[in-house]
Amino acid sequence: MSKGLGYIPRNALAYASWLSPEFQYQVTEWIEQWARGDFTRAQQPNKQQMQSFYWLARLKEFRKKTVIPQGYLSIFEETICVIADLEDFGFIAPEGMVMDISIGKCWANHLRKQKINPNELARKYHHYYPGWFHSVKANIYPNQYLGEFRDWLQLKYSPHQLPKYLENKGYLEALPAAKLLVQRYLTSSS
């Protein structure tokens, strides 16, 4: 193994441990097989397993390039939690999925229904997507809304808007995972 490649297993383990103990165990197995030289094609991580790394990389790039002021919540960071929850139920979100935009728009509508102007409440920040050379302006909200946002996300958006979003975007294979996710959210709230 060359000196440069030695960092690949360490980085893979760090990412895997952040995702889940089960995935960390699987990555450890792959690294041990690789080190022994018996890493056959059938044992290599599949596309879905590698897709999990994309979302972690996206979060890491977001945090590296984006500065969220103290006291504000990021819809993107909250969305990553929903994506991780969907993965728990078997759906690996593809690279092009930008559910945070849907969630952000629906959250703004929720605030409007409460007679709160999201444009007066929110601050703009520069959001960087992996591979893009420019940022987009997105909203962040005061942390005082974090609890309400999470309740709304789990009890309103996920049961009603999430299935519509997945259907409209053609992610029909995600619908069973979304149904299980909603059941988790609803049972944990009671």
C-alpha atoms as a PDB file:
ATOM      1  CA  MET A   1       0.000   0.000   0.000  1.00  0.00           C
ATOM      2  CA  SER A   2       1.461   3.385  -0.914  1.00  0.00           C
ATOM      3  CA  LYS A   3       1.713   6.097   1.708  1.00  0.00           C
ATOM      4  CA  GLY A   4      -1.049   8.164   0.086  1.00  0.00           C
ATOM      5  CA  LEU A   5      -3.563   5.332  -0.013  1.00  0.00           C
ATOM      6  CA  GLY A   6      -3.209   4.755   3.724  1.00  0.00           C
ATOM      7  CA  TYR A   7      -5.493   7.687   4.331  1.00  0.00           C
ATOM      8  CA  ILE A   8      -8.386   6.131   2.406  1.00  0.00           C
ATOM      9  CA  PRO A   9      -9.220   3.514   5.093  1.00  0.00           C
ATOM     10  CA  ARG A  10      -8.961   6.078   7.894  1.00  0.00           C
ATOM     11  CA  ASN A  11     -11.232   8.517   6.094  1.00  0.00           C
ATOM     12  CA  ALA A  12     -13.686   5.773   5.176  1.00  0.00           C
ATOM     13  CA  LEU A  13     -13.878   4.637   8.797  1.00  0.00           C
ATOM     14  CA  ALA A  14     -14.378   8.184  10.032  1.00  0.00           C
ATOM     15  CA  TYR A  15     -17.251   8.733   7.591  1.00  0.00           C
ATOM     16  CA  ALA A  16     -18.750   5.335   8.294  1.00  0.00           C
ATOM     17  CA  SER A  17     -18.692   5.808  12.068  1.00  0.00           C
ATOM     18  CA  TRP A  18     -20.496   9.121  11.656  1.00  0.00           C
ATOM     19  CA  LEU A  19     -23.271   7.433   9.637  1.00  0.00           C
ATOM     20  CA  SER A  20     -23.955   4.427  11.853  1.00  0.00           C
ATOM     21  CA  PRO A  21     -22.235   1.711  13.911  1.00  0.00           C
ATOM     22  CA  GLU A  22     -23.538  -0.919  11.483  1.00  0.00           C
ATOM     23  CA  PHE A  23     -22.040   0.838   8.486  1.00  0.00           C
ATOM     24  CA  GLN A  24     -18.759   1.350  10.356  1.00  0.00           C
ATOM     25  CA  TYR A  25     -18.610  -2.412  10.955  1.00  0.00           C
ATOM     26  CA  GLN A  26     -19.229  -3.111   7.247  1.00  0.00           C
ATOM     27  CA  VAL A  27     -16.542  -0.628   6.167  1.00  0.00           C
ATOM     28  CA  THR A  28     -14.110  -2.193   8.655  1.00  0.00           C
ATOM     29  CA  GLU A  29     -14.791  -5.570   7.022  1.00  0.00           C
ATOM     30  CA  TRP A  30     -14.129  -4.116   3.555  1.00  0.00           C
ATOM     31  CA  ILE A  31     -10.867  -2.519   4.679  1.00  0.00           C
ATOM     32  CA  GLU A  32      -9.661  -5.761   6.250  1.00  0.00           C
ATOM     33  CA  GLN A  33     -10.524  -7.653   3.045  1.00  0.00           C
ATOM     34  CA  TRP A  34      -8.758  -4.994   0.995  1.00  0.00           C
ATOM     35  CA  ALA A  35      -5.636  -5.206   3.191  1.00  0.00           C
ATOM     36  CA  ARG A  36      -5.586  -9.009   2.797  1.00  0.00           C
ATOM     37  CA  GLY A  37      -5.965  -8.653  -0.963  1.00  0.00           C
ATOM     38  CA  ASP A  38      -9.195 -10.672  -1.157  1.00  0.00           C
ATOM     39  CA  PHE A  39     -11.528  -7.800  -1.948  1.00  0.00           C
ATOM     40  CA  THR A  40     -13.546  -9.268  -4.793  1.00  0.00           C
ATOM     41  CA  ARG A  41     -16.023  -7.339  -6.919  1.00  0.00           C
ATOM     42  CA  ALA A  42     -18.973  -9.027  -5.200  1.00  0.00           C
ATOM     43  CA  GLN A  43     -17.785  -7.700  -1.832  1.00  0.00           C
ATOM     44  CA  GLN A  44     -17.321  -4.095  -2.912  1.00  0.00           C
ATOM     45  CA  PRO A  45     -19.773  -1.492  -1.657  1.00  0.00           C
ATOM     46  CA  ASN A  46     -22.756  -1.073  -3.914  1.00  0.00           C
ATOM     47  CA  LYS A  47     -23.929   2.203  -5.416  1.00  0.00           C
ATOM     48  CA  GLN A  48     -26.470   2.797  -2.642  1.00  0.00           C
ATOM     49  CA  GLN A  49     -23.848   2.341   0.061  1.00  0.00           C
ATOM     50  CA  MET A  50     -21.529   4.755  -1.708  1.00  0.00           C
ATOM     51  CA  GLN A  51     -24.396   7.245  -2.095  1.00  0.00           C
ATOM     52  CA  SER A  52     -24.484   7.626   1.683  1.00  0.00           C
ATOM     53  CA  PHE A  53     -20.973   9.039   1.447  1.00  0.00           C
ATOM     54  CA  TYR A  54     -22.237  11.674  -0.999  1.00  0.00           C
ATOM     55  CA  TRP A  55     -24.613  13.134   1.599  1.00  0.00           C
ATOM     56  CA  LEU A  56     -21.925  13.137   4.247  1.00  0.00           C
ATOM     57  CA  ALA A  57     -19.550  14.845   1.799  1.00  0.00           C
ATOM     58  CA  ARG A  58     -22.270  17.355   0.946  1.00  0.00           C
ATOM     59  CA  LEU A  59     -22.770  18.171   4.616  1.00  0.00           C
ATOM     60  CA  LYS A  60     -19.021  18.469   5.184  1.00  0.00           C
ATOM     61  CA  GLU A  61     -18.619  20.776   2.157  1.00  0.00           C
ATOM     62  CA  PHE A  62     -21.577  22.827   3.340  1.00  0.00           C
ATOM     63  CA  ARG A  63     -19.991  23.277   6.768  1.00  0.00           C
ATOM     64  CA  LYS A  64     -16.598  24.055   5.286  1.00  0.00           C
ATOM     65  CA  LYS A  65     -17.827  26.759   2.892  1.00  0.00           C
ATOM     66  CA  THR A  66     -20.906  28.035   4.670  1.00  0.00           C
ATOM     67  CA  VAL A  67     -20.998  30.070   7.832  1.00  0.00           C
ATOM     68  CA  ILE A  68     -24.293  29.951   9.681  1.00  0.00           C
ATOM     69  CA  PRO A  69     -24.326  32.710  12.300  1.00  0.00           C
ATOM     70  CA  GLN A  70     -24.698  31.635  15.908  1.00  0.00           C
ATOM     71  CA  GLY A  71     -28.358  31.514  16.889  1.00  0.00           C
ATOM     72  CA  TYR A  72     -29.763  30.412  13.500  1.00  0.00           C
ATOM     73  CA  LEU A  73     -31.033  27.131  12.129  1.00  0.00           C
ATOM     74  CA  SER A  74     -30.245  25.787   8.701  1.00  0.00           C
ATOM     75  CA  ILE A  75     -32.989  23.971   6.837  1.00  0.00           C
ATOM     76  CA  PHE A  76     -30.332  22.090   4.892  1.00  0.00           C
ATOM     77  CA  GLU A  77     -28.799  20.646   8.071  1.00  0.00           C
ATOM     78  CA  GLU A  78     -32.243  19.647   9.330  1.00  0.00           C
ATOM     79  CA  THR A  79     -32.997  18.061   5.936  1.00  0.00           C
ATOM     80  CA  ILE A  80     -29.881  15.897   6.172  1.00  0.00           C
ATOM     81  CA  CYS A  81     -31.458  14.325   9.270  1.00  0.00           C
ATOM     82  CA  VAL A  82     -34.584  13.434   7.271  1.00  0.00           C
ATOM     83  CA  ILE A  83     -32.410  11.920   4.532  1.00  0.00           C
ATOM     84  CA  ALA A  84     -30.539   9.862   7.147  1.00  0.00           C
ATOM     85  CA  ASP A  85     -33.885   8.711   8.588  1.00  0.00           C
ATOM     86  CA  LEU A  86     -35.048   7.654   5.111  1.00  0.00           C
ATOM     87  CA  GLU A  87     -31.818   5.660   4.753  1.00  0.00           C
ATOM     88  CA  ASP A  88     -32.673   3.852   7.996  1.00  0.00           C
ATOM     89  CA  PHE A  89     -35.712   2.521   6.146  1.00  0.00           C
ATOM     90  CA  GLY A  90     -33.890   1.560   2.964  1.00  0.00           C
ATOM     91  CA  PHE A  91     -34.052   4.575   0.646  1.00  0.00           C
ATOM     92  CA  ILE A  92     -30.727   6.082  -0.346  1.00  0.00           C
ATOM     93  CA  ALA A  93     -31.297   9.598  -1.641  1.00  0.00           C
ATOM     94  CA  PRO A  94     -29.736  10.246  -5.054  1.00  0.00           C
ATOM     95  CA  GLU A  95     -27.254  13.053  -5.659  1.00  0.00           C
ATOM     96  CA  GLY A  96     -29.697  15.357  -7.436  1.00  0.00           C
ATOM     97  CA  MET A  97     -32.238  15.382  -4.644  1.00  0.00           C
ATOM     98  CA  VAL A  98     -32.720  18.874  -3.195  1.00  0.00           C
ATOM     99  CA  MET A  99     -35.462  18.237  -0.677  1.00  0.00           C
ATOM    100  CA  ASP A 100     -34.246  21.210   1.389  1.00  0.00           C
ATOM    101  CA  ILE A 101     -35.753  23.560  -1.198  1.00  0.00           C
ATOM    102  CA  SER A 102     -39.174  21.914  -0.876  1.00  0.00           C
ATOM    103  CA  ILE A 103     -38.954  21.933   2.909  1.00  0.00           C
ATOM    104  CA  GLY A 104     -37.886  25.584   2.927  1.00  0.00           C
ATOM    105  CA  LYS A 105     -40.762  26.688   0.721  1.00  0.00           C
ATOM    106  CA  CYS A 106     -43.317  24.738   2.746  1.00  0.00           C
ATOM    107  CA  TRP A 107     -41.896  26.104   6.026  1.00  0.00           C
ATOM    108  CA  ALA A 108     -42.228  29.659   4.691  1.00  0.00           C
ATOM    109  CA  ASN A 109     -45.875  28.914   3.791  1.00  0.00           C
ATOM    110  CA  HIS A 110     -46.431  27.522   7.282  1.00  0.00           C
ATOM    111  CA  LEU A 111     -45.104  30.760   8.779  1.00  0.00           C
ATOM    112  CA  ARG A 112     -47.328  32.857   6.490  1.00  0.00           C
ATOM    113  CA  LYS A 113     -50.391  30.924   7.703  1.00  0.00           C
ATOM    114  CA  GLN A 114     -49.438  32.026  11.215  1.00  0.00           C
ATOM    115  CA  LYS A 115     -49.293  35.645  10.016  1.00  0.00           C
ATOM    116  CA  ILE A 116     -45.474  35.646  10.230  1.00  0.00           C
ATOM    117  CA  ASN A 117     -43.649  37.143   7.274  1.00  0.00           C
ATOM    118  CA  PRO A 118     -40.729  34.763   6.561  1.00  0.00           C
ATOM    119  CA  ASN A 119     -38.908  37.532   4.677  1.00  0.00           C
ATOM    120  CA  GLU A 120     -38.809  39.657   7.816  1.00  0.00           C
ATOM    121  CA  LEU A 121     -37.877  36.725  10.048  1.00  0.00           C
ATOM    122  CA  ALA A 122     -35.238  34.997   7.933  1.00  0.00           C
ATOM    123  CA  ARG A 123     -31.709  36.027   7.101  1.00  0.00           C
ATOM    124  CA  LYS A 124     -30.054  35.156   3.806  1.00  0.00           C
ATOM    125  CA  TYR A 125     -26.828  33.201   3.603  1.00  0.00           C
ATOM    126  CA  HIS A 126     -24.710  31.771   0.795  1.00  0.00           C
ATOM    127  CA  HIS A 127     -25.441  28.057   0.419  1.00  0.00           C
ATOM    128  CA  TYR A 128     -22.867  26.017  -1.502  1.00  0.00           C
ATOM    129  CA  TYR A 129     -23.816  22.816  -3.316  1.00  0.00           C
ATOM    130  CA  PRO A 130     -21.053  20.287  -4.044  1.00  0.00           C
ATOM    131  CA  GLY A 131     -19.561  20.777  -7.470  1.00  0.00           C
ATOM    132  CA  TRP A 132     -21.126  24.195  -8.008  1.00  0.00           C
ATOM    133  CA  PHE A 133     -18.799  27.136  -8.498  1.00  0.00           C
ATOM    134  CA  HIS A 134     -21.290  29.607  -7.124  1.00  0.00           C
ATOM    135  CA  SER A 135     -23.580  29.791  -4.144  1.00  0.00           C
ATOM    136  CA  VAL A 136     -27.306  30.328  -3.920  1.00  0.00           C
ATOM    137  CA  LYS A 137     -28.950  32.586  -1.377  1.00  0.00           C
ATOM    138  CA  ALA A 138     -31.058  30.640   1.066  1.00  0.00           C
ATOM    139  CA  ASN A 139     -32.890  31.444   4.276  1.00  0.00           C
ATOM    140  CA  ILE A 140     -31.868  30.708   7.832  1.00  0.00           C
ATOM    141  CA  TYR A 141     -34.210  31.212  10.762  1.00  0.00           C
ATOM    142  CA  PRO A 142     -33.703  32.167  14.414  1.00  0.00           C
ATOM    143  CA  ASN A 143     -33.071  29.214  16.719  1.00  0.00           C
ATOM    144  CA  GLN A 144     -36.138  30.188  18.743  1.00  0.00           C
ATOM    145  CA  TYR A 145     -38.096  28.475  15.926  1.00  0.00           C
ATOM    146  CA  LEU A 146     -36.067  25.248  16.011  1.00  0.00           C
ATOM    147  CA  GLY A 147     -38.513  23.284  18.182  1.00  0.00           C
ATOM    148  CA  GLU A 148     -41.503  24.449  16.181  1.00  0.00           C
ATOM    149  CA  PHE A 149     -39.666  23.723  12.935  1.00  0.00           C
ATOM    150  CA  ARG A 150     -38.826  20.149  13.972  1.00  0.00           C
ATOM    151  CA  ASP A 151     -42.379  19.479  15.157  1.00  0.00           C
ATOM    152  CA  TRP A 152     -43.734  20.884  11.890  1.00  0.00           C
ATOM    153  CA  LEU A 153     -41.220  18.872   9.835  1.00  0.00           C
ATOM    154  CA  GLN A 154     -42.061  15.591  11.556  1.00  0.00           C
ATOM    155  CA  LEU A 155     -45.786  16.019  12.140  1.00  0.00           C
ATOM    156  CA  LYS A 156     -46.943  18.170   9.206  1.00  0.00           C
ATOM    157  CA  TYR A 157     -44.444  18.131   6.321  1.00  0.00           C
ATOM    158  CA  SER A 158     -43.400  14.482   6.512  1.00  0.00           C
ATOM    159  CA  PRO A 159     -46.908  12.936   6.586  1.00  0.00           C
ATOM    160  CA  HIS A 160     -48.397  15.282   3.986  1.00  0.00           C
ATOM    161  CA  GLN A 161     -45.786  16.961   1.778  1.00  0.00           C
ATOM    162  CA  LEU A 162     -42.944  14.422   1.780  1.00  0.00           C
ATOM    163  CA  PRO A 163     -44.908  11.738  -0.112  1.00  0.00           C
ATOM    164  CA  LYS A 164     -46.060  14.360  -2.640  1.00  0.00           C
ATOM    165  CA  TYR A 165     -42.497  15.598  -3.102  1.00  0.00           C
ATOM    166  CA  LEU A 166     -41.186  12.056  -3.634  1.00  0.00           C
ATOM    167  CA  GLU A 167     -43.962  11.203  -6.111  1.00  0.00           C
ATOM    168  CA  ASN A 168     -43.616  14.450  -8.075  1.00  0.00           C
ATOM    169  CA  LYS A 169     -39.847  13.979  -8.367  1.00  0.00           C
ATOM    170  CA  GLY A 170     -40.225  10.353  -9.464  1.00  0.00           C
ATOM    171  CA  TYR A 171     -38.730   8.781  -6.324  1.00  0.00           C
ATOM    172  CA  LEU A 172     -41.494   6.193  -6.063  1.00  0.00           C
ATOM    173  CA  GLU A 173     -39.106   3.638  -4.537  1.00  0.00           C
ATOM    174  CA  ALA A 174     -38.827   5.993  -1.540  1.00  0.00           C
ATOM    175  CA  LEU A 175     -42.520   5.892  -0.650  1.00  0.00           C
ATOM    176  CA  PRO A 176     -42.343   2.759   1.569  1.00  0.00           C
ATOM    177  CA  ALA A 177     -39.406   4.286   3.491  1.00  0.00           C
ATOM    178  CA  ALA A 178     -41.308   7.569   3.849  1.00  0.00           C
ATOM    179  CA  LYS A 179     -44.327   5.725   5.235  1.00  0.00           C
ATOM    180  CA  LEU A 180     -42.156   3.991   7.861  1.00  0.00           C
ATOM    181  CA  LEU A 181     -40.462   7.282   8.657  1.00  0.00           C
ATOM    182  CA  VAL A 182     -43.796   8.996   9.253  1.00  0.00           C
ATOM    183  CA  GLN A 183     -44.848   6.128  11.537  1.00  0.00           C
ATOM    184  CA  ARG A 184     -41.630   6.626  13.536  1.00  0.00           C
ATOM    185  CA  TYR A 185     -42.230  10.363  13.810  1.00  0.00           C
ATOM    186  CA  LEU A 186     -45.869  10.004  14.799  1.00  0.00           C
ATOM    187  CA  THR A 187     -45.243   7.309  17.421  1.00  0.00           C
ATOM    188  CA  SER A 188     -42.309   9.208  18.939  1.00  0.00           C
ATOM    189  CA  SER A 189     -44.489  12.304  19.356  1.00  0.00           C
ATOM    190  CA  SER A 190     -47.220  10.543  21.331  1.00  0.00           C
END
